[in-house]
Amino acid sequence: MTELFLLQDIVKRSLTEDLVYGDRTTETLFPRAIPAIGEIIAKEDLVVAGLDLCQTVFDVLAPSVQFEILIPPGKNAKPGEKIGILRGDARALLKGERTALNFIQRLSGIATHTRRFVDRANGVKIVDTRKTTPGLRALEKEAVILGGGYNHRFHLGDLILIKDNHIVLAGGIINAVTKTRVTLSHPLKVEVEVKNLKEVEDAIQSGADIIMLDNMTIPQIEEAVLLIRNKSPKIPIEVSGGINLNNVASVAKCGIDMISIGSLTHSAPAVDISLEIVHDK
């Protein structure tokens, strides 16, 4: 779970976008407090996420607003189901409505998109990437977990990941891995991205801890997996590049350990959720 101070920082910056000059409509129409109920309603099948941001939005605007969660994060919601109920001053609900919905719709979209991949992956781990919205990485990666996925690196200090540009500049995979082993001051794992069988062989020879098969066809993946399993059966194998909902099941059957997918965060469509406010009499 994301730390509260980070949530508050993100929420305050987001509210500033809407309220830097106040809410002219609400302040003009309602000079005094109005008790109200706000129902957060799913408009399509989705996996719930982002409710901690919703809570934080109204904690910042009006701590007296109460938020009751009806469908917990990570659970499915069907069209028409109430995800949660807000109770408090209608002016706070109106001011925070768009910000709260933006967070819930975006993060539930990521969780829902992730769940679709997980459901087709035959037990192979579905893993995210660093292709996240700047400033929102922790939130988006948490949504991936709620969808049943796993997190890859959070930042560049998490893991030695030697990719194509590193390999070119280092003069090859073996040189790159050797240099990292000599230079490392503490035991980070070393993962190597490969794009053909020659590079697979170099990665095995170098003693890489993890091998990532990048943008390979299914026949190429199968051949690479056979080579790795024969020569170094304990090395975890990751597949990345070109994975979508149409081919993920076929890729997962190749005997690999995980599939990393950038679209979990960079291309997940927001889901449709509404906030309906009524006078609490």
C-alpha atoms as a PDB file:
ATOM      1  CA  MET A   1       0.000   0.000   0.000  1.00  0.00           C
ATOM      2  CA  THR A   2       1.267   3.467  -0.900  1.00  0.00           C
ATOM      3  CA  GLU A   3       2.315   5.579   2.072  1.00  0.00           C
ATOM      4  CA  LEU A   4      -0.243   8.163   3.218  1.00  0.00           C
ATOM      5  CA  PHE A   5       2.091  11.145   2.825  1.00  0.00           C
ATOM      6  CA  LEU A   6       2.649  10.209  -0.835  1.00  0.00           C
ATOM      7  CA  LEU A   7      -1.086   9.885  -1.426  1.00  0.00           C
ATOM      8  CA  GLN A   8      -1.691  13.265   0.152  1.00  0.00           C
ATOM      9  CA  ASP A   9       1.014  14.894  -1.963  1.00  0.00           C
ATOM     10  CA  ILE A  10      -0.400  13.459  -5.193  1.00  0.00           C
ATOM     11  CA  VAL A  11      -3.968  14.373  -4.222  1.00  0.00           C
ATOM     12  CA  LYS A  12      -3.095  17.947  -3.255  1.00  0.00           C
ATOM     13  CA  ARG A  13      -1.333  18.525  -6.575  1.00  0.00           C
ATOM     14  CA  SER A  14      -4.302  17.064  -8.424  1.00  0.00           C
ATOM     15  CA  LEU A  15      -6.863  19.131  -6.530  1.00  0.00           C
ATOM     16  CA  THR A  16      -4.858  22.264  -7.300  1.00  0.00           C
ATOM     17  CA  GLU A  17      -5.583  21.742 -10.994  1.00  0.00           C
ATOM     18  CA  ASP A  18      -9.323  22.058 -10.321  1.00  0.00           C
ATOM     19  CA  LEU A  19      -9.415  24.426  -7.359  1.00  0.00           C
ATOM     20  CA  VAL A  20      -6.599  26.917  -7.908  1.00  0.00           C
ATOM     21  CA  TYR A  21      -9.308  29.580  -8.367  1.00  0.00           C
ATOM     22  CA  GLY A  22     -11.970  27.790  -6.315  1.00  0.00           C
ATOM     23  CA  ASP A  23     -15.186  26.160  -7.513  1.00  0.00           C
ATOM     24  CA  ARG A  24     -17.171  29.141  -8.763  1.00  0.00           C
ATOM     25  CA  THR A  25     -20.272  27.077  -9.539  1.00  0.00           C
ATOM     26  CA  THR A  26     -20.563  25.329  -6.185  1.00  0.00           C
ATOM     27  CA  GLU A  27     -19.588  28.385  -4.128  1.00  0.00           C
ATOM     28  CA  THR A  28     -22.140  30.548  -5.943  1.00  0.00           C
ATOM     29  CA  LEU A  29     -25.012  28.085  -5.668  1.00  0.00           C
ATOM     30  CA  PHE A  30     -24.420  26.764  -2.148  1.00  0.00           C
ATOM     31  CA  PRO A  31     -23.004  29.276   0.349  1.00  0.00           C
ATOM     32  CA  ARG A  32     -23.882  26.986   3.265  1.00  0.00           C
ATOM     33  CA  ALA A  33     -23.304  23.304   3.978  1.00  0.00           C
ATOM     34  CA  ILE A  34     -25.761  20.811   2.459  1.00  0.00           C
ATOM     35  CA  PRO A  35     -25.838  17.224   3.780  1.00  0.00           C
ATOM     36  CA  ALA A  36     -25.578  14.802   0.875  1.00  0.00           C
ATOM     37  CA  ILE A  37     -24.889  11.217  -0.126  1.00  0.00           C
ATOM     38  CA  GLY A  38     -22.681  10.308  -3.056  1.00  0.00           C
ATOM     39  CA  GLU A  39     -22.822   6.833  -4.593  1.00  0.00           C
ATOM     40  CA  ILE A  40     -19.833   5.627  -6.614  1.00  0.00           C
ATOM     41  CA  ILE A  41     -21.285   3.291  -9.238  1.00  0.00           C
ATOM     42  CA  ALA A  42     -19.628   0.932 -11.711  1.00  0.00           C
ATOM     43  CA  LYS A  43     -20.922   1.362 -15.257  1.00  0.00           C
ATOM     44  CA  GLU A  44     -19.118  -1.690 -16.672  1.00  0.00           C
ATOM     45  CA  ASP A  45     -17.404  -4.885 -15.490  1.00  0.00           C
ATOM     46  CA  LEU A  46     -14.206  -3.875 -13.720  1.00  0.00           C
ATOM     47  CA  VAL A  47     -11.669  -4.641 -11.010  1.00  0.00           C
ATOM     48  CA  VAL A  48     -11.780  -2.025  -8.256  1.00  0.00           C
ATOM     49  CA  ALA A  49      -8.701   0.086  -7.491  1.00  0.00           C
ATOM     50  CA  GLY A  50      -7.891   3.622  -6.378  1.00  0.00           C
ATOM     51  CA  LEU A  51     -10.220   3.802  -3.395  1.00  0.00           C
ATOM     52  CA  ASP A  52      -7.428   4.959  -1.102  1.00  0.00           C
ATOM     53  CA  LEU A  53      -7.028   7.980  -3.387  1.00  0.00           C
ATOM     54  CA  CYS A  54     -10.763   8.649  -3.215  1.00  0.00           C
ATOM     55  CA  GLN A  55     -10.606   8.578   0.571  1.00  0.00           C
ATOM     56  CA  THR A  56      -7.618  10.917   0.561  1.00  0.00           C
ATOM     57  CA  VAL A  57      -9.319  13.415  -1.783  1.00  0.00           C
ATOM     58  CA  PHE A  58     -12.124  13.962   0.695  1.00  0.00           C
ATOM     59  CA  ASP A  59      -9.857  13.781   3.743  1.00  0.00           C
ATOM     60  CA  VAL A  60      -7.990  16.744   2.248  1.00  0.00           C
ATOM     61  CA  LEU A  61     -11.111  18.677   1.232  1.00  0.00           C
ATOM     62  CA  ALA A  62     -13.326  17.968   4.242  1.00  0.00           C
ATOM     63  CA  PRO A  63     -12.250  15.420   6.891  1.00  0.00           C
ATOM     64  CA  SER A  64     -15.864  15.188   8.073  1.00  0.00           C
ATOM     65  CA  VAL A  65     -16.851  13.361   4.851  1.00  0.00           C
ATOM     66  CA  GLN A  66     -17.330   9.647   5.540  1.00  0.00           C
ATOM     67  CA  PHE A  67     -16.427   7.037   2.939  1.00  0.00           C
ATOM     68  CA  GLU A  68     -17.901   3.545   3.153  1.00  0.00           C
ATOM     69  CA  ILE A  69     -16.310   0.966   0.867  1.00  0.00           C
ATOM     70  CA  LEU A  70     -18.810  -1.584  -0.432  1.00  0.00           C
ATOM     71  CA  ILE A  71     -16.564  -3.462  -2.906  1.00  0.00           C
ATOM     72  CA  PRO A  72     -12.950  -3.745  -1.677  1.00  0.00           C
ATOM     73  CA  PRO A  73      -9.924  -3.080  -3.910  1.00  0.00           C
ATOM     74  CA  GLY A  74      -9.009  -6.063  -6.085  1.00  0.00           C
ATOM     75  CA  LYS A  75     -12.588  -7.353  -6.241  1.00  0.00           C
ATOM     76  CA  ASN A  76     -14.856  -7.370  -9.277  1.00  0.00           C
ATOM     77  CA  ALA A  77     -17.700  -4.911  -9.723  1.00  0.00           C
ATOM     78  CA  LYS A  78     -20.525  -5.377 -12.205  1.00  0.00           C
ATOM     79  CA  PRO A  79     -22.456  -2.660 -14.055  1.00  0.00           C
ATOM     80  CA  GLY A  80     -24.822  -0.873 -11.689  1.00  0.00           C
ATOM     81  CA  GLU A  81     -23.104  -2.055  -8.514  1.00  0.00           C
ATOM     82  CA  LYS A  82     -22.193   0.493  -5.855  1.00  0.00           C
ATOM     83  CA  ILE A  83     -18.473   0.542  -5.140  1.00  0.00           C
ATOM     84  CA  GLY A  84     -18.696   2.949  -2.226  1.00  0.00           C
ATOM     85  CA  ILE A  85     -20.809   5.619  -0.546  1.00  0.00           C
ATOM     86  CA  LEU A  86     -19.751   9.112   0.546  1.00  0.00           C
ATOM     87  CA  ARG A  87     -21.640  11.047   3.218  1.00  0.00           C
ATOM     88  CA  GLY A  88     -21.034  14.688   4.067  1.00  0.00           C
ATOM     89  CA  ASP A  89     -21.221  18.265   2.845  1.00  0.00           C
ATOM     90  CA  ALA A  90     -22.347  18.294  -0.792  1.00  0.00           C
ATOM     91  CA  ARG A  91     -19.954  21.157  -1.503  1.00  0.00           C
ATOM     92  CA  ALA A  92     -16.952  18.936  -0.723  1.00  0.00           C
ATOM     93  CA  LEU A  93     -18.419  16.096  -2.784  1.00  0.00           C
ATOM     94  CA  LEU A  94     -18.887  18.400  -5.772  1.00  0.00           C
ATOM     95  CA  LYS A  95     -15.398  19.877  -5.497  1.00  0.00           C
ATOM     96  CA  GLY A  96     -13.706  16.492  -5.212  1.00  0.00           C
ATOM     97  CA  GLU A  97     -15.900  14.506  -7.600  1.00  0.00           C
ATOM     98  CA  ARG A  98     -13.777  14.771 -10.736  1.00  0.00           C
ATOM     99  CA  THR A  99     -10.435  14.269  -9.022  1.00  0.00           C
ATOM    100  CA  ALA A 100     -11.663  11.218  -7.121  1.00  0.00           C
ATOM    101  CA  LEU A 101     -13.247   9.672 -10.217  1.00  0.00           C
ATOM    102  CA  ASN A 102     -10.141  10.334 -12.298  1.00  0.00           C
ATOM    103  CA  PHE A 103      -8.062   8.302  -9.860  1.00  0.00           C
ATOM    104  CA  ILE A 104     -10.584   5.469  -9.510  1.00  0.00           C
ATOM    105  CA  GLN A 105     -11.284   5.204 -13.243  1.00  0.00           C
ATOM    106  CA  ARG A 106      -7.596   5.250 -14.205  1.00  0.00           C
ATOM    107  CA  LEU A 107      -6.380   2.809 -11.556  1.00  0.00           C
ATOM    108  CA  SER A 108      -9.375   0.480 -11.892  1.00  0.00           C
ATOM    109  CA  GLY A 109      -8.669   0.488 -15.625  1.00  0.00           C
ATOM    110  CA  ILE A 110      -5.134  -0.751 -14.981  1.00  0.00           C
ATOM    111  CA  ALA A 111      -6.336  -3.403 -12.525  1.00  0.00           C
ATOM    112  CA  THR A 112      -9.021  -4.547 -14.971  1.00  0.00           C
ATOM    113  CA  HIS A 113      -6.620  -4.663 -17.928  1.00  0.00           C
ATOM    114  CA  THR A 114      -4.104  -6.618 -15.848  1.00  0.00           C
ATOM    115  CA  ARG A 115      -6.749  -9.124 -14.735  1.00  0.00           C
ATOM    116  CA  ARG A 116      -7.604  -9.884 -18.352  1.00  0.00           C
ATOM    117  CA  PHE A 117      -3.979 -10.822 -19.048  1.00  0.00           C
ATOM    118  CA  VAL A 118      -3.706 -12.825 -15.821  1.00  0.00           C
ATOM    119  CA  ASP A 119      -6.830 -14.813 -16.679  1.00  0.00           C
ATOM    120  CA  ARG A 120      -5.286 -15.888 -20.005  1.00  0.00           C
ATOM    121  CA  ALA A 121      -1.736 -16.560 -18.829  1.00  0.00           C
ATOM    122  CA  ASN A 122      -2.149 -20.161 -17.591  1.00  0.00           C
ATOM    123  CA  GLY A 123      -0.437 -19.404 -14.281  1.00  0.00           C
ATOM    124  CA  VAL A 124       2.597 -17.633 -15.785  1.00  0.00           C
ATOM    125  CA  LYS A 125       3.352 -14.400 -13.915  1.00  0.00           C
ATOM    126  CA  ILE A 126       2.201 -11.198 -15.602  1.00  0.00           C
ATOM    127  CA  VAL A 127       4.645  -8.409 -14.797  1.00  0.00           C
ATOM    128  CA  ASP A 128       4.533  -4.652 -15.333  1.00  0.00           C
ATOM    129  CA  THR A 129       7.282  -2.278 -16.543  1.00  0.00           C
ATOM    130  CA  ARG A 130       8.487   1.271 -15.840  1.00  0.00           C
ATOM    131  CA  LYS A 131       6.236   2.603 -18.634  1.00  0.00           C
ATOM    132  CA  THR A 132       4.119   4.475 -16.124  1.00  0.00           C
ATOM    133  CA  THR A 133       2.633   7.958 -15.836  1.00  0.00           C
ATOM    134  CA  PRO A 134       5.319  10.277 -14.393  1.00  0.00           C
ATOM    135  CA  GLY A 135       4.635  10.851 -10.708  1.00  0.00           C
ATOM    136  CA  LEU A 136       2.033   8.088 -10.459  1.00  0.00           C
ATOM    137  CA  ARG A 137       4.217   4.976 -10.671  1.00  0.00           C
ATOM    138  CA  ALA A 138       3.532   3.714  -7.145  1.00  0.00           C
ATOM    139  CA  LEU A 139      -0.214   4.019  -7.665  1.00  0.00           C
ATOM    140  CA  GLU A 140      -0.199   2.325 -11.064  1.00  0.00           C
ATOM    141  CA  LYS A 141       2.015  -0.515  -9.917  1.00  0.00           C
ATOM    142  CA  GLU A 142      -0.251  -1.080  -6.914  1.00  0.00           C
ATOM    143  CA  ALA A 143      -3.190  -1.297  -9.338  1.00  0.00           C
ATOM    144  CA  VAL A 144      -1.298  -3.990 -11.282  1.00  0.00           C
ATOM    145  CA  ILE A 145      -1.028  -6.031  -8.078  1.00  0.00           C
ATOM    146  CA  LEU A 146      -4.753  -5.580  -7.409  1.00  0.00           C
ATOM    147  CA  GLY A 147      -5.366  -7.000 -10.880  1.00  0.00           C
ATOM    148  CA  GLY A 148      -3.355 -10.109 -10.016  1.00  0.00           C
ATOM    149  CA  GLY A 149      -0.085  -9.061 -11.663  1.00  0.00           C
ATOM    150  CA  TYR A 150       3.421  -8.558 -10.307  1.00  0.00           C
ATOM    151  CA  ASN A 151       5.800  -5.611 -10.204  1.00  0.00           C
ATOM    152  CA  HIS A 152       9.068  -5.505 -12.132  1.00  0.00           C
ATOM    153  CA  ARG A 153      11.546  -2.745 -11.272  1.00  0.00           C
ATOM    154  CA  PHE A 154      10.186   0.298  -9.446  1.00  0.00           C
ATOM    155  CA  HIS A 155      13.280   2.309 -10.360  1.00  0.00           C
ATOM    156  CA  LEU A 156      16.684   1.981 -11.975  1.00  0.00           C
ATOM    157  CA  GLY A 157      18.307   0.980  -8.680  1.00  0.00           C
ATOM    158  CA  ASP A 158      16.221  -2.157  -8.194  1.00  0.00           C
ATOM    159  CA  LEU A 159      18.014  -4.496 -10.572  1.00  0.00           C
ATOM    160  CA  ILE A 160      20.840  -4.655 -13.088  1.00  0.00           C
ATOM    161  CA  LEU A 161      18.907  -4.899 -16.365  1.00  0.00           C
ATOM    162  CA  ILE A 162      21.259  -4.971 -19.351  1.00  0.00           C
ATOM    163  CA  LYS A 163      19.309  -3.958 -22.451  1.00  0.00           C
ATOM    164  CA  ASP A 164      20.207  -3.552 -26.109  1.00  0.00           C
ATOM    165  CA  ASN A 165      21.755  -0.094 -25.799  1.00  0.00           C
ATOM    166  CA  HIS A 166      23.856  -1.169 -22.821  1.00  0.00           C
ATOM    167  CA  ILE A 167      25.064  -4.182 -24.815  1.00  0.00           C
ATOM    168  CA  VAL A 168      26.101  -2.039 -27.772  1.00  0.00           C
ATOM    169  CA  LEU A 169      28.000   0.438 -25.606  1.00  0.00           C
ATOM    170  CA  ALA A 170      29.645  -2.280 -23.481  1.00  0.00           C
ATOM    171  CA  GLY A 171      30.853  -4.292 -26.459  1.00  0.00           C
ATOM    172  CA  GLY A 172      28.622  -7.321 -25.981  1.00  0.00           C
ATOM    173  CA  ILE A 173      26.713  -9.249 -23.362  1.00  0.00           C
ATOM    174  CA  ILE A 174      29.667 -11.079 -21.838  1.00  0.00           C
ATOM    175  CA  ASN A 175      31.618  -7.838 -21.392  1.00  0.00           C
ATOM    176  CA  ALA A 176      28.575  -6.120 -19.891  1.00  0.00           C
ATOM    177  CA  VAL A 177      27.794  -8.841 -17.353  1.00  0.00           C
ATOM    178  CA  THR A 178      31.441  -9.274 -16.397  1.00  0.00           C
ATOM    179  CA  LYS A 179      31.795  -5.554 -15.740  1.00  0.00           C
ATOM    180  CA  THR A 180      28.681  -5.422 -13.561  1.00  0.00           C
ATOM    181  CA  ARG A 181      29.925  -8.359 -11.473  1.00  0.00           C
ATOM    182  CA  VAL A 182      33.260  -6.616 -10.894  1.00  0.00           C
ATOM    183  CA  THR A 183      31.736  -3.215 -10.199  1.00  0.00           C
ATOM    184  CA  LEU A 184      28.740  -4.111  -8.000  1.00  0.00           C
ATOM    185  CA  SER A 185      29.137  -3.269  -4.335  1.00  0.00           C
ATOM    186  CA  HIS A 186      26.228  -5.445  -3.253  1.00  0.00           C
ATOM    187  CA  PRO A 187      24.470  -8.478  -4.731  1.00  0.00           C
ATOM    188  CA  LEU A 188      21.836  -7.145  -7.106  1.00  0.00           C
ATOM    189  CA  LYS A 189      20.554  -9.679  -9.614  1.00  0.00           C
ATOM    190  CA  VAL A 190      21.633  -9.276 -13.230  1.00  0.00           C
ATOM    191  CA  GLU A 191      19.038  -9.631 -15.979  1.00  0.00           C
ATOM    192  CA  VAL A 192      19.985  -9.585 -19.666  1.00  0.00           C
ATOM    193  CA  GLU A 193      17.687  -8.723 -22.558  1.00  0.00           C
ATOM    194  CA  VAL A 194      18.334 -10.873 -25.653  1.00  0.00           C
ATOM    195  CA  LYS A 195      16.862 -10.841 -29.141  1.00  0.00           C
ATOM    196  CA  ASN A 196      18.344 -13.944 -30.801  1.00  0.00           C
ATOM    197  CA  LEU A 197      19.873 -17.344 -29.997  1.00  0.00           C
ATOM    198  CA  LYS A 198      23.457 -16.064 -30.165  1.00  0.00           C
ATOM    199  CA  GLU A 199      22.648 -13.558 -27.450  1.00  0.00           C
ATOM    200  CA  VAL A 200      20.865 -16.277 -25.457  1.00  0.00           C
ATOM    201  CA  GLU A 201      24.068 -18.328 -25.523  1.00  0.00           C
ATOM    202  CA  ASP A 202      26.119 -15.298 -24.479  1.00  0.00           C
ATOM    203  CA  ALA A 203      23.730 -14.578 -21.601  1.00  0.00           C
ATOM    204  CA  ILE A 204      23.988 -18.167 -20.356  1.00  0.00           C
ATOM    205  CA  GLN A 205      27.783 -18.119 -20.661  1.00  0.00           C
ATOM    206  CA  SER A 206      28.003 -14.794 -18.824  1.00  0.00           C
ATOM    207  CA  GLY A 207      26.150 -16.188 -15.804  1.00  0.00           C
ATOM    208  CA  ALA A 208      23.116 -13.928 -16.038  1.00  0.00           C
ATOM    209  CA  ASP A 209      20.595 -14.421 -13.236  1.00  0.00           C
ATOM    210  CA  ILE A 210      17.555 -13.798 -15.469  1.00  0.00           C
ATOM    211  CA  ILE A 211      17.165 -13.853 -19.248  1.00  0.00           C
ATOM    212  CA  MET A 212      14.580 -11.709 -21.022  1.00  0.00           C
ATOM    213  CA  LEU A 213      13.531 -12.816 -24.514  1.00  0.00           C
ATOM    214  CA  ASP A 214      12.654  -9.577 -26.269  1.00  0.00           C
ATOM    215  CA  ASN A 215      10.316  -9.289 -29.265  1.00  0.00           C
ATOM    216  CA  MET A 216      10.711 -12.901 -30.363  1.00  0.00           C
ATOM    217  CA  THR A 217       8.173 -14.965 -32.284  1.00  0.00           C
ATOM    218  CA  ILE A 218       6.651 -17.982 -30.568  1.00  0.00           C
ATOM    219  CA  PRO A 219       8.889 -20.439 -32.512  1.00  0.00           C
ATOM    220  CA  GLN A 220      11.914 -18.363 -31.493  1.00  0.00           C
ATOM    221  CA  ILE A 221      10.778 -18.321 -27.873  1.00  0.00           C
ATOM    222  CA  GLU A 222      10.335 -22.087 -27.875  1.00  0.00           C
ATOM    223  CA  GLU A 223      13.813 -22.596 -29.321  1.00  0.00           C
ATOM    224  CA  ALA A 224      15.379 -20.196 -26.833  1.00  0.00           C
ATOM    225  CA  VAL A 225      13.590 -21.831 -23.884  1.00  0.00           C
ATOM    226  CA  LEU A 226      14.834 -25.264 -24.978  1.00  0.00           C
ATOM    227  CA  LEU A 227      18.393 -23.949 -25.169  1.00  0.00           C
ATOM    228  CA  ILE A 228      18.225 -22.305 -21.744  1.00  0.00           C
ATOM    229  CA  ARG A 229      16.566 -25.258 -20.027  1.00  0.00           C
ATOM    230  CA  ASN A 230      19.159 -27.654 -21.451  1.00  0.00           C
ATOM    231  CA  LYS A 231      22.189 -25.560 -20.482  1.00  0.00           C
ATOM    232  CA  SER A 232      21.043 -23.766 -17.324  1.00  0.00           C
ATOM    233  CA  PRO A 233      17.619 -24.993 -16.215  1.00  0.00           C
ATOM    234  CA  LYS A 234      17.332 -22.814 -13.114  1.00  0.00           C
ATOM    235  CA  ILE A 235      17.564 -19.454 -14.894  1.00  0.00           C
ATOM    236  CA  PRO A 236      14.187 -17.647 -14.813  1.00  0.00           C
ATOM    237  CA  ILE A 237      12.973 -16.745 -18.304  1.00  0.00           C
ATOM    238  CA  GLU A 238      11.047 -13.561 -19.011  1.00  0.00           C
ATOM    239  CA  VAL A 239       9.343 -12.702 -22.298  1.00  0.00           C
ATOM    240  CA  SER A 240       8.649  -9.129 -23.344  1.00  0.00           C
ATOM    241  CA  GLY A 241       7.599  -7.183 -26.428  1.00  0.00           C
ATOM    242  CA  GLY A 242       4.550  -7.486 -28.646  1.00  0.00           C
ATOM    243  CA  ILE A 243       2.402  -9.240 -26.050  1.00  0.00           C
ATOM    244  CA  ASN A 244      -1.331  -8.623 -26.274  1.00  0.00           C
ATOM    245  CA  LEU A 245      -4.560 -10.290 -25.187  1.00  0.00           C
ATOM    246  CA  ASN A 246      -4.697 -12.284 -28.408  1.00  0.00           C
ATOM    247  CA  ASN A 247      -1.300 -13.968 -28.075  1.00  0.00           C
ATOM    248  CA  VAL A 248      -0.541 -13.995 -24.334  1.00  0.00           C
ATOM    249  CA  ALA A 249      -2.008 -17.480 -23.825  1.00  0.00           C
ATOM    250  CA  SER A 250       0.145 -18.935 -26.608  1.00  0.00           C
ATOM    251  CA  VAL A 251       3.276 -17.252 -25.252  1.00  0.00           C
ATOM    252  CA  ALA A 252       2.515 -18.496 -21.742  1.00  0.00           C
ATOM    253  CA  LYS A 253       2.531 -22.089 -22.987  1.00  0.00           C
ATOM    254  CA  CYS A 254       6.194 -21.861 -24.070  1.00  0.00           C
ATOM    255  CA  GLY A 255       7.597 -22.926 -20.693  1.00  0.00           C
ATOM    256  CA  ILE A 256       8.568 -19.464 -19.453  1.00  0.00           C
ATOM    257  CA  ASP A 257       8.347 -17.940 -15.985  1.00  0.00           C
ATOM    258  CA  MET A 258       6.997 -14.446 -16.550  1.00  0.00           C
ATOM    259  CA  ILE A 259       5.719 -12.062 -19.194  1.00  0.00           C
ATOM    260  CA  SER A 260       6.351  -8.326 -18.870  1.00  0.00           C
ATOM    261  CA  ILE A 261       3.813  -6.077 -20.559  1.00  0.00           C
ATOM    262  CA  GLY A 262       4.122  -2.308 -20.898  1.00  0.00           C
ATOM    263  CA  SER A 263       0.492  -1.868 -21.872  1.00  0.00           C
ATOM    264  CA  LEU A 264      -0.650  -2.805 -18.361  1.00  0.00           C
ATOM    265  CA  THR A 265       0.114   0.771 -17.382  1.00  0.00           C
ATOM    266  CA  HIS A 266       0.755   2.816 -20.524  1.00  0.00           C
ATOM    267  CA  SER A 267      -2.299   1.715 -22.529  1.00  0.00           C
ATOM    268  CA  ALA A 268      -4.933   0.533 -20.064  1.00  0.00           C
ATOM    269  CA  PRO A 269      -8.247   2.238 -20.886  1.00  0.00           C
ATOM    270  CA  ALA A 270      -9.989   4.022 -18.030  1.00  0.00           C
ATOM    271  CA  VAL A 271     -13.166   2.287 -16.915  1.00  0.00           C
ATOM    272  CA  ASP A 272     -16.572   3.935 -16.701  1.00  0.00           C
ATOM    273  CA  ILE A 273     -17.558   4.920 -13.159  1.00  0.00           C
ATOM    274  CA  SER A 274     -19.983   7.606 -11.995  1.00  0.00           C
ATOM    275  CA  LEU A 275     -20.596   9.521  -8.786  1.00  0.00           C
ATOM    276  CA  GLU A 276     -24.277  10.256  -8.214  1.00  0.00           C
ATOM    277  CA  ILE A 277     -25.034  12.802  -5.481  1.00  0.00           C
ATOM    278  CA  VAL A 278     -28.402  13.211  -3.793  1.00  0.00           C
ATOM    279  CA  HIS A 279     -29.655  15.473  -1.007  1.00  0.00           C
ATOM    280  CA  ASP A 280     -29.466  13.674   2.357  1.00  0.00           C
ATOM    281  CA  LYS A 281     -32.728  14.605   4.022  1.00  0.00           C
END
